[in-house]
């Protein structure tokens, strides 16, 4: 079902400082910040040859990342994202096997303009997993 690792997401308490670390200290190519109001985050992608690192920063006080950072004030890995070819088929297969899809169970449009879902971390050894449909 899953294909490539699309990205690893890290929640950060200071987006500008995090961007500077990846860009200036590590010499990585870093995207411009992108606000995603539907998800309550601002994201920046650190672009690597084989994958990406997504830096997540809260967008508004109701952001799920704000709550995550309350518990992890220095920042921490938030989720990993795998690519899938057919997100609807993936959802059906996962649910049939007892896995829980978070939210209303329907895909939302993610930072790459593609459908995404999140899977409950309790079903995946404590790891929040995002699936992103790619063609």
C-alpha atoms as a PDB file:
ATOM      1  CA  UNK A   1       0.000   0.000   0.000  1.00  0.00           C
ATOM      2  CA  UNK A   2       2.570   2.629   1.057  1.00  0.00           C
ATOM      3  CA  UNK A   3       5.144   3.921  -1.352  1.00  0.00           C
ATOM      4  CA  UNK A   4       7.943   6.379  -0.721  1.00  0.00           C
ATOM      5  CA  UNK A   5       8.540   8.304   2.451  1.00  0.00           C
ATOM      6  CA  UNK A   6       7.267  11.744   1.494  1.00  0.00           C
ATOM      7  CA  UNK A   7       8.401  13.656   4.584  1.00  0.00           C
ATOM      8  CA  UNK A   8       9.088  13.681   8.294  1.00  0.00           C
ATOM      9  CA  UNK A   9       7.321  16.518  10.114  1.00  0.00           C
ATOM     10  CA  UNK A  10       8.852  18.346  13.063  1.00  0.00           C
ATOM     11  CA  UNK A  11       6.869  20.763  15.225  1.00  0.00           C
ATOM     12  CA  UNK A  12       9.048  23.773  16.049  1.00  0.00           C
ATOM     13  CA  UNK A  13       8.587  26.514  18.660  1.00  0.00           C
ATOM     14  CA  UNK A  14      10.299  29.155  16.488  1.00  0.00           C
ATOM     15  CA  UNK A  15       9.892  28.797  12.735  1.00  0.00           C
ATOM     16  CA  UNK A  16      12.432  31.461  11.745  1.00  0.00           C
ATOM     17  CA  UNK A  17      15.092  29.937  13.983  1.00  0.00           C
ATOM     18  CA  UNK A  18      14.381  26.432  12.687  1.00  0.00           C
ATOM     19  CA  UNK A  19      14.562  27.594   9.061  1.00  0.00           C
ATOM     20  CA  UNK A  20      17.893  29.306   9.766  1.00  0.00           C
ATOM     21  CA  UNK A  21      19.336  26.116  11.290  1.00  0.00           C
ATOM     22  CA  UNK A  22      18.460  23.965   8.288  1.00  0.00           C
ATOM     23  CA  UNK A  23      19.397  26.610   5.720  1.00  0.00           C
ATOM     24  CA  UNK A  24      22.473  28.194   7.299  1.00  0.00           C
ATOM     25  CA  UNK A  25      23.959  25.473   9.496  1.00  0.00           C
ATOM     26  CA  UNK A  26      23.094  22.453   7.360  1.00  0.00           C
ATOM     27  CA  UNK A  27      23.105  24.135   3.935  1.00  0.00           C
ATOM     28  CA  UNK A  28      19.690  22.813   2.929  1.00  0.00           C
ATOM     29  CA  UNK A  29      17.293  24.298   0.405  1.00  0.00           C
ATOM     30  CA  UNK A  30      14.262  25.580   2.320  1.00  0.00           C
ATOM     31  CA  UNK A  31      10.878  26.595   0.887  1.00  0.00           C
ATOM     32  CA  UNK A  32       8.975  29.751   1.722  1.00  0.00           C
ATOM     33  CA  UNK A  33       6.474  29.483   4.588  1.00  0.00           C
ATOM     34  CA  UNK A  34       2.976  28.383   3.594  1.00  0.00           C
ATOM     35  CA  UNK A  35      -0.080  28.956   5.806  1.00  0.00           C
ATOM     36  CA  UNK A  36      -2.598  26.108   5.883  1.00  0.00           C
ATOM     37  CA  UNK A  37      -5.592  27.488   7.820  1.00  0.00           C
ATOM     38  CA  UNK A  38      -7.632  24.274   7.395  1.00  0.00           C
ATOM     39  CA  UNK A  39      -4.891  22.401   9.280  1.00  0.00           C
ATOM     40  CA  UNK A  40      -4.002  25.242  11.682  1.00  0.00           C
ATOM     41  CA  UNK A  41      -0.333  25.314  10.699  1.00  0.00           C
ATOM     42  CA  UNK A  42       2.339  27.193   8.854  1.00  0.00           C
ATOM     43  CA  UNK A  43       4.701  24.825   7.054  1.00  0.00           C
ATOM     44  CA  UNK A  44       8.141  25.078   5.548  1.00  0.00           C
ATOM     45  CA  UNK A  45       9.745  22.234   3.611  1.00  0.00           C
ATOM     46  CA  UNK A  46      13.424  21.392   3.827  1.00  0.00           C
ATOM     47  CA  UNK A  47      14.098  19.785   0.465  1.00  0.00           C
ATOM     48  CA  UNK A  48      16.452  16.817   0.331  1.00  0.00           C
ATOM     49  CA  UNK A  49      17.503  14.533  -2.522  1.00  0.00           C
ATOM     50  CA  UNK A  50      15.445  11.592  -1.287  1.00  0.00           C
ATOM     51  CA  UNK A  51      12.661  13.158   0.831  1.00  0.00           C
ATOM     52  CA  UNK A  52      11.648  16.303   2.713  1.00  0.00           C
ATOM     53  CA  UNK A  53      11.520  17.531   6.286  1.00  0.00           C
ATOM     54  CA  UNK A  54       8.391  19.528   7.073  1.00  0.00           C
ATOM     55  CA  UNK A  55       8.729  22.181   9.764  1.00  0.00           C
ATOM     56  CA  UNK A  56       5.358  22.807  11.453  1.00  0.00           C
ATOM     57  CA  UNK A  57       4.473  25.957  13.354  1.00  0.00           C
ATOM     58  CA  UNK A  58       1.088  26.800  14.920  1.00  0.00           C
ATOM     59  CA  UNK A  59      -1.232  29.038  12.934  1.00  0.00           C
ATOM     60  CA  UNK A  60      -3.603  30.460  15.530  1.00  0.00           C
ATOM     61  CA  UNK A  61      -4.291  29.517  19.118  1.00  0.00           C
ATOM     62  CA  UNK A  62      -6.523  26.553  18.234  1.00  0.00           C
ATOM     63  CA  UNK A  63      -3.798  24.846  16.225  1.00  0.00           C
ATOM     64  CA  UNK A  64      -3.193  21.198  17.084  1.00  0.00           C
ATOM     65  CA  UNK A  65       0.510  22.041  16.836  1.00  0.00           C
ATOM     66  CA  UNK A  66       0.142  24.650  19.615  1.00  0.00           C
ATOM     67  CA  UNK A  67      -1.146  21.917  21.909  1.00  0.00           C
ATOM     68  CA  UNK A  68       1.603  19.538  20.762  1.00  0.00           C
ATOM     69  CA  UNK A  69       4.228  22.191  21.564  1.00  0.00           C
ATOM     70  CA  UNK A  70       2.745  22.686  25.049  1.00  0.00           C
ATOM     71  CA  UNK A  71       3.741  19.088  25.709  1.00  0.00           C
ATOM     72  CA  UNK A  72       7.007  19.385  23.731  1.00  0.00           C
ATOM     73  CA  UNK A  73       8.197  22.984  24.295  1.00  0.00           C
ATOM     74  CA  UNK A  74      11.527  22.437  22.535  1.00  0.00           C
ATOM     75  CA  UNK A  75       9.853  20.897  19.493  1.00  0.00           C
ATOM     76  CA  UNK A  76       9.710  17.245  18.444  1.00  0.00           C
ATOM     77  CA  UNK A  77       8.952  14.876  15.614  1.00  0.00           C
ATOM     78  CA  UNK A  78       5.215  15.153  14.946  1.00  0.00           C
ATOM     79  CA  UNK A  79       4.462  12.662  12.144  1.00  0.00           C
ATOM     80  CA  UNK A  80       5.782  10.781   9.154  1.00  0.00           C
ATOM     81  CA  UNK A  81       4.133  10.879   5.746  1.00  0.00           C
ATOM     82  CA  UNK A  82       4.002   8.038   3.243  1.00  0.00           C
ATOM     83  CA  UNK A  83       2.783   8.236  -0.334  1.00  0.00           C
ATOM     84  CA  UNK A  84      -0.113   6.092  -1.554  1.00  0.00           C
ATOM     85  CA  UNK A  85      -1.508   5.706  -5.061  1.00  0.00           C
ATOM     86  CA  UNK A  86      -5.208   5.599  -4.116  1.00  0.00           C
ATOM     87  CA  UNK A  87      -6.180   7.210  -0.823  1.00  0.00           C
ATOM     88  CA  UNK A  88      -9.815   6.022  -0.965  1.00  0.00           C
ATOM     89  CA  UNK A  89      -8.727   2.400  -1.421  1.00  0.00           C
ATOM     90  CA  UNK A  90      -6.135   2.844   1.335  1.00  0.00           C
ATOM     91  CA  UNK A  91      -8.769   4.192   3.736  1.00  0.00           C
ATOM     92  CA  UNK A  92     -11.137   1.311   2.956  1.00  0.00           C
ATOM     93  CA  UNK A  93      -8.415  -1.300   3.429  1.00  0.00           C
ATOM     94  CA  UNK A  94      -7.158   0.238   6.671  1.00  0.00           C
ATOM     95  CA  UNK A  95     -10.632   0.539   8.168  1.00  0.00           C
ATOM     96  CA  UNK A  96     -11.453  -3.043   7.166  1.00  0.00           C
ATOM     97  CA  UNK A  97      -8.395  -4.134   9.138  1.00  0.00           C
ATOM     98  CA  UNK A  98      -9.359  -2.081  12.209  1.00  0.00           C
ATOM     99  CA  UNK A  99      -7.077   0.941  11.797  1.00  0.00           C
ATOM    100  CA  UNK A 100      -8.517   4.317  12.790  1.00  0.00           C
ATOM    101  CA  UNK A 101      -8.497   7.314  10.460  1.00  0.00           C
ATOM    102  CA  UNK A 102      -8.485  10.582  12.398  1.00  0.00           C
ATOM    103  CA  UNK A 103     -11.003  13.393  11.953  1.00  0.00           C
ATOM    104  CA  UNK A 104     -14.103  12.646   9.926  1.00  0.00           C
ATOM    105  CA  UNK A 105     -12.279   9.918   7.998  1.00  0.00           C
ATOM    106  CA  UNK A 106     -12.348  11.891   4.763  1.00  0.00           C
ATOM    107  CA  UNK A 107      -9.222  13.232   3.038  1.00  0.00           C
ATOM    108  CA  UNK A 108      -8.339  16.919   3.267  1.00  0.00           C
ATOM    109  CA  UNK A 109      -6.073  18.803   0.921  1.00  0.00           C
ATOM    110  CA  UNK A 110      -2.531  18.999   2.312  1.00  0.00           C
ATOM    111  CA  UNK A 111       0.425  21.307   1.780  1.00  0.00           C
ATOM    112  CA  UNK A 112       1.232  19.828  -1.632  1.00  0.00           C
ATOM    113  CA  UNK A 113      -2.314  20.362  -2.886  1.00  0.00           C
ATOM    114  CA  UNK A 114      -3.005  16.622  -2.670  1.00  0.00           C
ATOM    115  CA  UNK A 115      -5.446  14.588  -0.542  1.00  0.00           C
ATOM    116  CA  UNK A 116      -4.140  13.507   2.877  1.00  0.00           C
ATOM    117  CA  UNK A 117      -5.375  11.595   5.908  1.00  0.00           C
ATOM    118  CA  UNK A 118      -3.891  10.878   9.327  1.00  0.00           C
ATOM    119  CA  UNK A 119      -3.918   7.529  11.101  1.00  0.00           C
ATOM    120  CA  UNK A 120      -4.275   7.138  14.854  1.00  0.00           C
ATOM    121  CA  UNK A 121      -0.866   6.792  16.532  1.00  0.00           C
ATOM    122  CA  UNK A 122      -2.164   4.110  18.913  1.00  0.00           C
ATOM    123  CA  UNK A 123      -2.602   1.840  15.893  1.00  0.00           C
ATOM    124  CA  UNK A 124       0.987   2.410  14.711  1.00  0.00           C
ATOM    125  CA  UNK A 125       3.239   2.019  17.750  1.00  0.00           C
ATOM    126  CA  UNK A 126       2.792   5.604  18.922  1.00  0.00           C
ATOM    127  CA  UNK A 127       3.585   7.203  15.552  1.00  0.00           C
ATOM    128  CA  UNK A 128       1.171   9.600  13.865  1.00  0.00           C
ATOM    129  CA  UNK A 129       1.118   8.606  10.192  1.00  0.00           C
ATOM    130  CA  UNK A 130      -0.012  10.777   7.326  1.00  0.00           C
ATOM    131  CA  UNK A 131      -0.884   9.248   3.974  1.00  0.00           C
ATOM    132  CA  UNK A 132      -0.724  11.465   0.884  1.00  0.00           C
ATOM    133  CA  UNK A 133      -2.180  10.438  -2.458  1.00  0.00           C
ATOM    134  CA  UNK A 134       0.225  10.812  -5.370  1.00  0.00           C
ATOM    135  CA  UNK A 135      -0.363   9.800  -8.966  1.00  0.00           C
END
